PDB file of N, CA and C in Angstrom:
ATOM      1  N   MET A   1      57.429 103.244  67.431  1.00  0.00           N
ATOM      2  CA  MET A   1      56.535 101.777  68.416  1.00  0.00           C
ATOM      3  C   MET A   1      57.291 102.032  70.094  1.00  0.00           C
ATOM      4  N   LYS A   2      56.556 101.543  70.867  1.00  0.00           N
ATOM      5  CA  LYS A   2      57.031 101.552  72.495  1.00  0.00           C
ATOM      6  C   LYS A   2      57.507 100.298  72.654  1.00  0.00           C
ATOM      7  N   VAL A   3      58.456 100.294  73.050  1.00  0.00           N
ATOM      8  CA  VAL A   3      59.186  99.342  74.234  1.00  0.00           C
ATOM      9  C   VAL A   3      59.911  99.651  75.018  1.00  0.00           C
ATOM     10  N   TYR A   4      59.894  98.545  75.875  1.00  0.00           N
ATOM     11  CA  TYR A   4      60.565  98.663  77.658  1.00  0.00           C
ATOM     12  C   TYR A   4      61.235  97.893  77.834  1.00  0.00           C
ATOM     13  N   PHE A   5      62.778  98.374  78.701  1.00  0.00           N
ATOM     14  CA  PHE A   5      64.109  97.494  78.931  1.00  0.00           C
ATOM     15  C   PHE A   5      63.608  97.724  80.773  1.00  0.00           C
ATOM     16  N   THR A   6      64.056  96.821  80.927  1.00  0.00           N
ATOM     17  CA  THR A   6      64.390  95.997  82.816  1.00  0.00           C
ATOM     18  C   THR A   6      65.217  95.684  83.009  1.00  0.00           C
ATOM     19  N   TYR A   7      66.275  96.070  83.741  1.00  0.00           N
ATOM     20  CA  TYR A   7      66.692  94.895  84.707  1.00  0.00           C
ATOM     21  C   TYR A   7      66.884  95.377  86.194  1.00  0.00           C
ATOM     22  N   ILE A   8      66.462  93.885  86.677  1.00  0.00           N
ATOM     23  CA  ILE A   8      66.832  93.994  88.619  1.00  0.00           C
ATOM     24  C   ILE A   8      67.960  94.062  88.709  1.00  0.00           C
ATOM     25  N   GLY A   9      68.624  94.140  89.223  1.00  0.00           N
ATOM     26  CA  GLY A   9      70.384  94.319  90.096  1.00  0.00           C
ATOM     27  C   GLY A   9      69.918  93.619  91.136  1.00  0.00           C
ATOM     28  N   VAL A  10      70.942  93.458  92.655  1.00  0.00           N
ATOM     29  CA  VAL A  10      70.823  93.521  93.686  1.00  0.00           C
ATOM     30  C   VAL A  10      70.224  94.776  94.548  1.00  0.00           C
ATOM     31  N   ASP A  11      71.658  95.943  93.745  1.00  0.00           N
ATOM     32  CA  ASP A  11      71.342  97.444  94.738  1.00  0.00           C
ATOM     33  C   ASP A  11      69.900  98.173  93.470  1.00  0.00           C
ATOM     34  N   ASN A  12      69.578  97.645  92.493  1.00  0.00           N
ATOM     35  CA  ASN A  12      69.189  99.340  91.927  1.00  0.00           C
ATOM     36  C   ASN A  12      67.922  98.095  90.828  1.00  0.00           C
ATOM     37  N   LYS A  13      66.696  98.788  90.614  1.00  0.00           N
ATOM     38  CA  LYS A  13      66.164  98.374  89.524  1.00  0.00           C
ATOM     39  C   LYS A  13      65.864  99.570  88.297  1.00  0.00           C
ATOM     40  N   THR A  14      66.360  99.327  87.215  1.00  0.00           N
ATOM     41  CA  THR A  14      65.693 100.033  86.265  1.00  0.00           C
ATOM     42  C   THR A  14      64.860  99.462  84.954  1.00  0.00           C
ATOM     43  N   PHE A  15      64.203 101.203  85.076  1.00  0.00           N
ATOM     44  CA  PHE A  15      63.115 100.581  83.974  1.00  0.00           C
ATOM     45  C   PHE A  15      63.056 101.974  82.989  1.00  0.00           C
ATOM     46  N   PHE A  16      62.401 101.675  81.264  1.00  0.00           N
ATOM     47  CA  PHE A  16      62.339 102.545  81.392  1.00  0.00           C
ATOM     48  C   PHE A  16      62.066 101.942  79.725  1.00  0.00           C
ATOM     49  N   GLU A  17      61.241 103.055  79.070  1.00  0.00           N
ATOM     50  CA  GLU A  17      60.245 102.899  77.951  1.00  0.00           C
ATOM     51  C   GLU A  17      60.785 104.063  76.905  1.00  0.00           C
ATOM     52  N   LEU A  18      61.144 103.403  75.887  1.00  0.00           N
ATOM     53  CA  LEU A  18      61.928 103.587  74.953  1.00  0.00           C
ATOM     54  C   LEU A  18      60.307 103.837  73.390  1.00  0.00           C
ATOM     55  N   GLU A  19      61.142 104.460  72.678  1.00  0.00           N
ATOM     56  CA  GLU A  19      60.637 105.428  71.369  1.00  0.00           C
ATOM     57  C   GLU A  19      61.398 104.843  70.086  1.00  0.00           C
ATOM     58  N   VAL A  20      60.741 103.307  69.349  1.00  0.00           N
ATOM     59  CA  VAL A  20      61.678 103.123  68.472  1.00  0.00           C
ATOM     60  C   VAL A  20      61.439 102.736  67.562  1.00  0.00           C
ATOM     61  N   SER A  21      61.960 102.109  66.344  1.00  0.00           N
ATOM     62  CA  SER A  21      61.603 101.983  64.708  1.00  0.00           C
ATOM     63  C   SER A  21      60.978 100.223  64.835  1.00  0.00           C
ATOM     64  N   SER A  22      59.933 100.091  63.929  1.00  0.00           N
ATOM     65  CA  SER A  22      59.268  98.702  63.653  1.00  0.00           C
ATOM     66  C   SER A  22      60.088  97.369  63.613  1.00  0.00           C
ATOM     67  N   SER A  23      61.399  97.973  62.538  1.00  0.00           N
ATOM     68  CA  SER A  23      62.244  97.285  62.587  1.00  0.00           C
ATOM     69  C   SER A  23      63.771  96.621  63.369  1.00  0.00           C
ATOM     70  N   LEU A  24      63.580  97.298  64.256  1.00  0.00           N
ATOM     71  CA  LEU A  24      64.634  97.028  65.249  1.00  0.00           C
ATOM     72  C   LEU A  24      64.416  95.483  66.003  1.00  0.00           C
ATOM     73  N   THR A  25      65.658  95.166  66.225  1.00  0.00           N
ATOM     74  CA  THR A  25      66.027  93.801  66.483  1.00  0.00           C
ATOM     75  C   THR A  25      66.928  94.407  67.935  1.00  0.00           C
ATOM     76  N   VAL A  26      66.495  93.394  69.013  1.00  0.00           N
ATOM     77  CA  VAL A  26      66.738  93.441  70.218  1.00  0.00           C
ATOM     78  C   VAL A  26      68.248  93.560  70.719  1.00  0.00           C
ATOM     79  N   SER A  27      68.971  92.913  69.987  1.00  0.00           N
ATOM     80  CA  SER A  27      70.924  93.140  69.778  1.00  0.00           C
ATOM     81  C   SER A  27      70.794  95.005  68.993  1.00  0.00           C
ATOM     82  N   GLU A  28      70.008  95.470  68.789  1.00  0.00           N
ATOM     83  CA  GLU A  28      70.082  97.162  68.284  1.00  0.00           C
ATOM     84  C   GLU A  28      69.714  97.867  69.201  1.00  0.00           C
ATOM     85  N   LEU A  29      68.602  97.125  70.455  1.00  0.00           N
ATOM     86  CA  LEU A  29      68.187  98.193  70.985  1.00  0.00           C
ATOM     87  C   LEU A  29      69.548  97.951  71.989  1.00  0.00           C
ATOM     88  N   MET A  30      70.518  97.456  72.245  1.00  0.00           N
ATOM     89  CA  MET A  30      71.286  96.914  73.404  1.00  0.00           C
ATOM     90  C   MET A  30      72.263  98.213  73.501  1.00  0.00           C
ATOM     91  N   GLU A  31      72.119  98.554  71.816  1.00  0.00           N
ATOM     92  CA  GLU A  31      73.416  99.322  71.628  1.00  0.00           C
ATOM     93  C   GLU A  31      72.884 101.053  71.884  1.00  0.00           C
ATOM     94  N   PHE A  32      71.595 101.222  71.899  1.00  0.00           N
ATOM     95  CA  PHE A  32      71.145 102.383  72.524  1.00  0.00           C
ATOM     96  C   PHE A  32      71.826 103.225  73.964  1.00  0.00           C
ATOM     97  N   LYS A  33      72.327 104.378  74.129  1.00  0.00           N
ATOM     98  CA  LYS A  33      73.093 104.979  75.230  1.00  0.00           C
ATOM     99  C   LYS A  33      72.176 104.746  76.384  1.00  0.00           C
ATOM    100  N   GLU A  34      70.602 104.244  76.498  1.00  0.00           N
ATOM    101  CA  GLU A  34      70.381 103.955  77.610  1.00  0.00           C
ATOM    102  C   GLU A  34      71.225 103.483  78.195  1.00  0.00           C
ATOM    103  N   VAL A  35      70.674 101.781  77.293  1.00  0.00           N
ATOM    104  CA  VAL A  35      70.658 100.167  77.773  1.00  0.00           C
ATOM    105  C   VAL A  35      72.456 100.365  78.223  1.00  0.00           C
ATOM    106  N   GLN A  36      72.967 100.768  77.275  1.00  0.00           N
ATOM    107  CA  GLN A  36      74.824 101.128  77.630  1.00  0.00           C
ATOM    108  C   GLN A  36      74.616 101.748  78.903  1.00  0.00           C
ATOM    109  N   ASN A  37      74.326 102.947  79.055  1.00  0.00           N
ATOM    110  CA  ASN A  37      74.399 103.022  80.608  1.00  0.00           C
ATOM    111  C   ASN A  37      74.284 102.011  82.047  1.00  0.00           C
ATOM    112  N   VAL A  38      73.534 101.055  81.298  1.00  0.00           N
ATOM    113  CA  VAL A  38      72.693 100.294  82.684  1.00  0.00           C
ATOM    114  C   VAL A  38      73.803  98.711  82.112  1.00  0.00           C
ATOM    115  N   THR A  39      73.950  98.605  81.215  1.00  0.00           N
ATOM    116  CA  THR A  39      74.886  97.332  80.945  1.00  0.00           C
ATOM    117  C   THR A  39      76.226  97.304  81.684  1.00  0.00           C
ATOM    118  N   LYS A  40      76.934  98.183  81.289  1.00  0.00           N
ATOM    119  CA  LYS A  40      78.555  98.902  81.608  1.00  0.00           C
ATOM    120  C   LYS A  40      78.538  98.510  83.401  1.00  0.00           C
ATOM    121  N   ASN A  41      78.127  98.304  83.794  1.00  0.00           N
ATOM    122  CA  ASN A  41      78.137  98.760  85.328  1.00  0.00           C
ATOM    123  C   ASN A  41      78.100  96.903  85.997  1.00  0.00           C
ATOM    124  N   ILE A  42      77.380  95.904  85.234  1.00  0.00           N
ATOM    125  CA  ILE A  42      76.923  94.752  84.769  1.00  0.00           C
ATOM    126  C   ILE A  42      78.194  93.986  85.448  1.00  0.00           C
ATOM    127  N   ASN A  43      78.226  93.212  86.725  1.00  0.00           N
ATOM    128  CA  ASN A  43      79.467  92.273  86.367  1.00  0.00           C
ATOM    129  C   ASN A  43      79.152  90.827  86.444  1.00  0.00           C
ATOM    130  N   HIS A  44      77.882  89.862  85.352  1.00  0.00           N
ATOM    131  CA  HIS A  44      78.063  88.941  85.396  1.00  0.00           C
ATOM    132  C   HIS A  44      78.028  88.692  84.101  1.00  0.00           C
ATOM    133  N   ASP A  45      77.201  87.744  83.255  1.00  0.00           N
ATOM    134  CA  ASP A  45      76.744  87.454  82.025  1.00  0.00           C
ATOM    135  C   ASP A  45      75.798  87.741  81.841  1.00  0.00           C
ATOM    136  N   ILE A  46      75.633  88.691  80.423  1.00  0.00           N
ATOM    137  CA  ILE A  46      74.285  89.264  79.935  1.00  0.00           C
ATOM    138  C   ILE A  46      73.660  88.262  79.634  1.00  0.00           C
ATOM    139  N   VAL A  47      72.492  87.699  80.174  1.00  0.00           N
ATOM    140  CA  VAL A  47      71.111  86.977  79.345  1.00  0.00           C
ATOM    141  C   VAL A  47      70.038  88.034  79.085  1.00  0.00           C
ATOM    142  N   ILE A  48      69.314  87.577  78.200  1.00  0.00           N
ATOM    143  CA  ILE A  48      68.395  88.651  77.693  1.00  0.00           C
ATOM    144  C   ILE A  48      67.262  87.586  77.409  1.00  0.00           C
ATOM    145  N   ALA A  49      66.354  88.010  77.668  1.00  0.00           N
ATOM    146  CA  ALA A  49      64.729  87.651  77.844  1.00  0.00           C
ATOM    147  C   ALA A  49      64.156  88.956  76.848  1.00  0.00           C
ATOM    148  N   VAL A  50      62.638  88.497  76.556  1.00  0.00           N
ATOM    149  CA  VAL A  50      61.748  89.167  75.878  1.00  0.00           C
ATOM    150  C   VAL A  50      60.636  88.743  76.735  1.00  0.00           C
ATOM    151  N   ASN A  51      59.655  89.365  77.217  1.00  0.00           N
ATOM    152  CA  ASN A  51      58.923  89.168  77.818  1.00  0.00           C
ATOM    153  C   ASN A  51      58.403  88.106  78.831  1.00  0.00           C
ATOM    154  N   SER A  52      59.706  87.716  79.412  1.00  0.00           N
ATOM    155  CA  SER A  52      60.250  85.935  80.274  1.00  0.00           C
ATOM    156  C   SER A  52      60.499  85.340  79.807  1.00  0.00           C
ATOM    157  N   GLU A  53      60.705  85.562  78.011  1.00  0.00           N
ATOM    158  CA  GLU A  53      60.961  84.255  77.765  1.00  0.00           C
ATOM    159  C   GLU A  53      62.360  85.010  76.899  1.00  0.00           C
ATOM    160  N   LEU A  54      63.663  83.826  77.322  1.00  0.00           N
ATOM    161  CA  LEU A  54      65.260  83.446  77.183  1.00  0.00           C
ATOM    162  C   LEU A  54      64.668  83.847  75.446  1.00  0.00           C
ATOM    163  N   LEU A  55      65.959  84.292  75.167  1.00  0.00           N
ATOM    164  CA  LEU A  55      66.309  84.496  73.632  1.00  0.00           C
ATOM    165  C   LEU A  55      67.260  83.346  73.329  1.00  0.00           C
ATOM    166  N   ASP A  56      67.633  81.779  73.466  1.00  0.00           N
ATOM    167  CA  ASP A  56      68.529  81.504  73.527  1.00  0.00           C
ATOM    168  C   ASP A  56      68.498  80.328  72.155  1.00  0.00           C
ATOM    169  N   GLY A  57      68.157  80.946  71.428  1.00  0.00           N
ATOM    170  CA  GLY A  57      68.121  79.882  69.751  1.00  0.00           C
ATOM    171  C   GLY A  57      67.181  78.844  69.502  1.00  0.00           C
ATOM    172  N   ASN A  58      66.766  78.624  70.332  1.00  0.00           N
ATOM    173  CA  ASN A  58      65.907  76.777  70.518  1.00  0.00           C
ATOM    174  C   ASN A  58      64.788  77.395  70.749  1.00  0.00           C
ATOM    175  N   PHE A  59      64.311  78.062  71.795  1.00  0.00           N
ATOM    176  CA  PHE A  59      62.723  78.319  71.652  1.00  0.00           C
ATOM    177  C   PHE A  59      62.255  79.393  70.147  1.00  0.00           C
ATOM    178  N   LYS A  60      63.064  80.281  70.985  1.00  0.00           N
ATOM    179  CA  LYS A  60      63.020  82.005  70.632  1.00  0.00           C
ATOM    180  C   LYS A  60      64.216  82.588  69.662  1.00  0.00           C
ATOM    181  N   PRO A  61      64.139  82.963  68.860  1.00  0.00           N
ATOM    182  CA  PRO A  61      66.190  83.216  68.208  1.00  0.00           C
ATOM    183  C   PRO A  61      66.715  83.790  69.072  1.00  0.00           C
ATOM    184  N   LEU A  62      67.681  84.186  68.784  1.00  0.00           N
ATOM    185  CA  LEU A  62      68.649  84.809  69.271  1.00  0.00           C
ATOM    186  C   LEU A  62      68.672  85.724  69.057  1.00  0.00           C
ATOM    187  N   PRO A  63      69.163  87.185  70.193  1.00  0.00           N
ATOM    188  CA  PRO A  63      69.082  88.481  70.079  1.00  0.00           C
ATOM    189  C   PRO A  63      69.079  89.246  68.702  1.00  0.00           C
ATOM    190  N   HIS A  64      70.067  88.766  68.063  1.00  0.00           N
ATOM    191  CA  HIS A  64      69.915  89.447  66.683  1.00  0.00           C
ATOM    192  C   HIS A  64      69.268  89.243  65.539  1.00  0.00           C
ATOM    193  N   LYS A  65      68.263  88.360  65.681  1.00  0.00           N
ATOM    194  CA  LYS A  65      67.531  87.860  64.787  1.00  0.00           C
ATOM    195  C   LYS A  65      66.259  88.354  65.353  1.00  0.00           C
ATOM    196  N   TYR A  66      65.802  88.199  66.989  1.00  0.00           N
ATOM    197  CA  TYR A  66      64.499  88.880  66.852  1.00  0.00           C
ATOM    198  C   TYR A  66      63.954  90.168  66.902  1.00  0.00           C
ATOM    199  N   ARG A  67      63.156  90.493  66.589  1.00  0.00           N
ATOM    200  CA  ARG A  67      62.494  91.853  65.817  1.00  0.00           C
ATOM    201  C   ARG A  67      61.331  91.800  67.246  1.00  0.00           C
ATOM    202  N   LEU A  68      62.192  93.308  67.214  1.00  0.00           N
ATOM    203  CA  LEU A  68      60.635  93.233  68.815  1.00  0.00           C
ATOM    204  C   LEU A  68      59.617  94.101  68.361  1.00  0.00           C
ATOM    205  N   ARG A  69      58.521  93.881  68.705  1.00  0.00           N
ATOM    206  CA  ARG A  69      56.808  94.098  68.383  1.00  0.00           C
ATOM    207  C   ARG A  69      56.534  95.656  69.229  1.00  0.00           C
ATOM    208  N   GLU A  70      55.703  95.801  69.425  1.00  0.00           N
ATOM    209  CA  GLU A  70      54.917  96.867  70.108  1.00  0.00           C
ATOM    210  C   GLU A  70      54.820  96.148  71.417  1.00  0.00           C
ATOM    211  N   GLY A  71      55.157  97.287  72.251  1.00  0.00           N
ATOM    212  CA  GLY A  71      54.632  97.094  74.030  1.00  0.00           C
ATOM    213  C   GLY A  71      55.279  95.957  74.809  1.00  0.00           C
ATOM    214  N   GLU A  72      56.770  94.630  73.855  1.00  0.00           N
ATOM    215  CA  GLU A  72      56.898  94.075  74.402  1.00  0.00           C
ATOM    216  C   GLU A  72      58.469  94.515  75.695  1.00  0.00           C
ATOM    217  N   ARG A  73      58.811  93.781  76.099  1.00  0.00           N
ATOM    218  CA  ARG A  73      59.767  93.980  77.605  1.00  0.00           C
ATOM    219  C   ARG A  73      61.341  93.456  77.679  1.00  0.00           C
ATOM    220  N   VAL A  74      61.898  93.876  76.663  1.00  0.00           N
ATOM    221  CA  VAL A  74      63.086  93.385  76.932  1.00  0.00           C
ATOM    222  C   VAL A  74      63.825  93.361  78.453  1.00  0.00           C
ATOM    223  N   GLU A  75      64.450  92.241  78.221  1.00  0.00           N
ATOM    224  CA  GLU A  75      64.693  92.064  80.119  1.00  0.00           C
ATOM    225  C   GLU A  75      66.292  91.952  80.019  1.00  0.00           C
ATOM    226  N   ILE A  76      67.392  91.819  81.132  1.00  0.00           N
ATOM    227  CA  ILE A  76      68.248  91.277  81.406  1.00  0.00           C
ATOM    228  C   ILE A  76      68.377  90.793  82.319  1.00  0.00           C
ATOM    229  N   LEU A  77      68.674  89.574  82.343  1.00  0.00           N
ATOM    230  CA  LEU A  77      68.672  88.767  83.559  1.00  0.00           C
ATOM    231  C   LEU A  77      69.554  88.226  84.693  1.00  0.00           C
ATOM    232  N   ARG A  78      69.691  87.615  85.678  1.00  0.00           N
ATOM    233  CA  ARG A  78      70.628  88.162  86.524  1.00  0.00           C
ATOM    234  C   ARG A  78      70.593  86.823  87.201  1.00  0.00           C
ATOM    235  N   PRO A  79      71.618  85.901  87.299  1.00  0.00           N
ATOM    236  CA  PRO A  79      71.987  84.517  88.048  1.00  0.00           C
ATOM    237  C   PRO A  79      71.218  84.663  89.407  1.00  0.00           C
ATOM    238  N   LEU A  80      70.314  83.405  89.861  1.00  0.00           N
ATOM    239  CA  LEU A  80      70.069  83.454  91.179  1.00  0.00           C
ATOM    240  C   LEU A  80      70.771  83.212  92.405  1.00  0.00           C
ATOM    241  N   THR A  81      70.590  83.939  93.340  1.00  0.00           N
ATOM    242  CA  THR A  81      71.656  83.869  94.406  1.00  0.00           C
ATOM    243  C   THR A  81      71.128  82.931  95.298  1.00  0.00           C
ATOM    244  N   GLN A  82      70.501  81.927  95.536  1.00  0.00           N
ATOM    245  CA  GLN A  82      69.867  81.211  96.654  1.00  0.00           C
ATOM    246  C   GLN A  82      68.848  80.465  95.275  1.00  0.00           C
ATOM    247  N   ASP A  83      69.051  78.939  95.615  1.00  0.00           N
ATOM    248  CA  ASP A  83      67.881  77.984  95.351  1.00  0.00           C
ATOM    249  C   ASP A  83      66.941  78.313  95.338  1.00  0.00           C
ATOM    250  N   PRO A  84      65.570  78.396  94.386  1.00  0.00           N
ATOM    251  CA  PRO A  84      64.298  78.485  95.310  1.00  0.00           C
ATOM    252  C   PRO A  84      63.917  77.236  96.012  1.00  0.00           C
ATOM    253  N   LYS A  85      64.246  75.660  95.732  1.00  0.00           N
ATOM    254  CA  LYS A  85      63.762  74.837  96.966  1.00  0.00           C
ATOM    255  C   LYS A  85      64.922  75.168  98.103  1.00  0.00           C
ATOM    256  N   GLU A  86      66.057  75.656  98.503  1.00  0.00           N
ATOM    257  CA  GLU A  86      66.477  75.881  99.626  1.00  0.00           C
ATOM    258  C   GLU A  86      65.788  77.136 100.075  1.00  0.00           C
ATOM    259  N   ARG A  87      65.083  77.604  99.689  1.00  0.00           N
ATOM    260  CA  ARG A  87      64.508  79.532 100.246  1.00  0.00           C
ATOM    261  C   ARG A  87      62.835  78.558 100.952  1.00  0.00           C
ATOM    262  N   ARG A  88      62.761  77.984  99.834  1.00  0.00           N
ATOM    263  CA  ARG A  88      61.504  77.629 100.347  1.00  0.00           C
ATOM    264  C   ARG A  88      61.251  76.729 101.813  1.00  0.00           C
ATOM    265  N   LEU A  89      62.232  75.484 101.670  1.00  0.00           N
ATOM    266  CA  LEU A  89      62.267  74.621 102.822  1.00  0.00           C
ATOM    267  C   LEU A  89      63.499  75.770 104.128  1.00  0.00           C
ATOM    268  N   LYS A  90      63.446  76.319 104.144  1.00  0.00           N
ATOM    269  CA  LYS A  90      64.450  77.460 105.134  1.00  0.00           C
ATOM    270  C   LYS A  90      63.101  77.949 105.792  1.00  0.00           C
ATOM    271  N   LYS A  91      61.586  78.810 104.954  1.00  0.00           N
ATOM    272  CA  LYS A  91      60.521  79.187 105.554  1.00  0.00           C
ATOM    273  C   LYS A  91      59.873  78.227 105.996  1.00  0.00           C
ATOM    274  N   ILE A  92      60.208  77.321 105.946  1.00  0.00           N
ATOM    275  CA  ILE A  92      58.902  76.143 106.674  1.00  0.00           C
ATOM    276  C   ILE A  92      59.700  75.652 108.146  1.00  0.00           C
TER     277      ILE A  92
END
């Protein structure tokens, strides 16, 4: 099955498609060589989401329990550099 991986950093953007087995968890995906090449250069805490939904153990399971389905997108989120409310106020 196909799944997607993405990370949009300050300087670079990464997006690629992976062909994986149907019983793969998000934690197992994070151990792939392609993903490791991206995550080794990240200098902030790694926060993982699937299709923009945070894997925090409250509403969605933790990464080691979440089994991927066909077409899902695994994302590494980075902290905001600016508060969105302040940014909107500066635009006005």
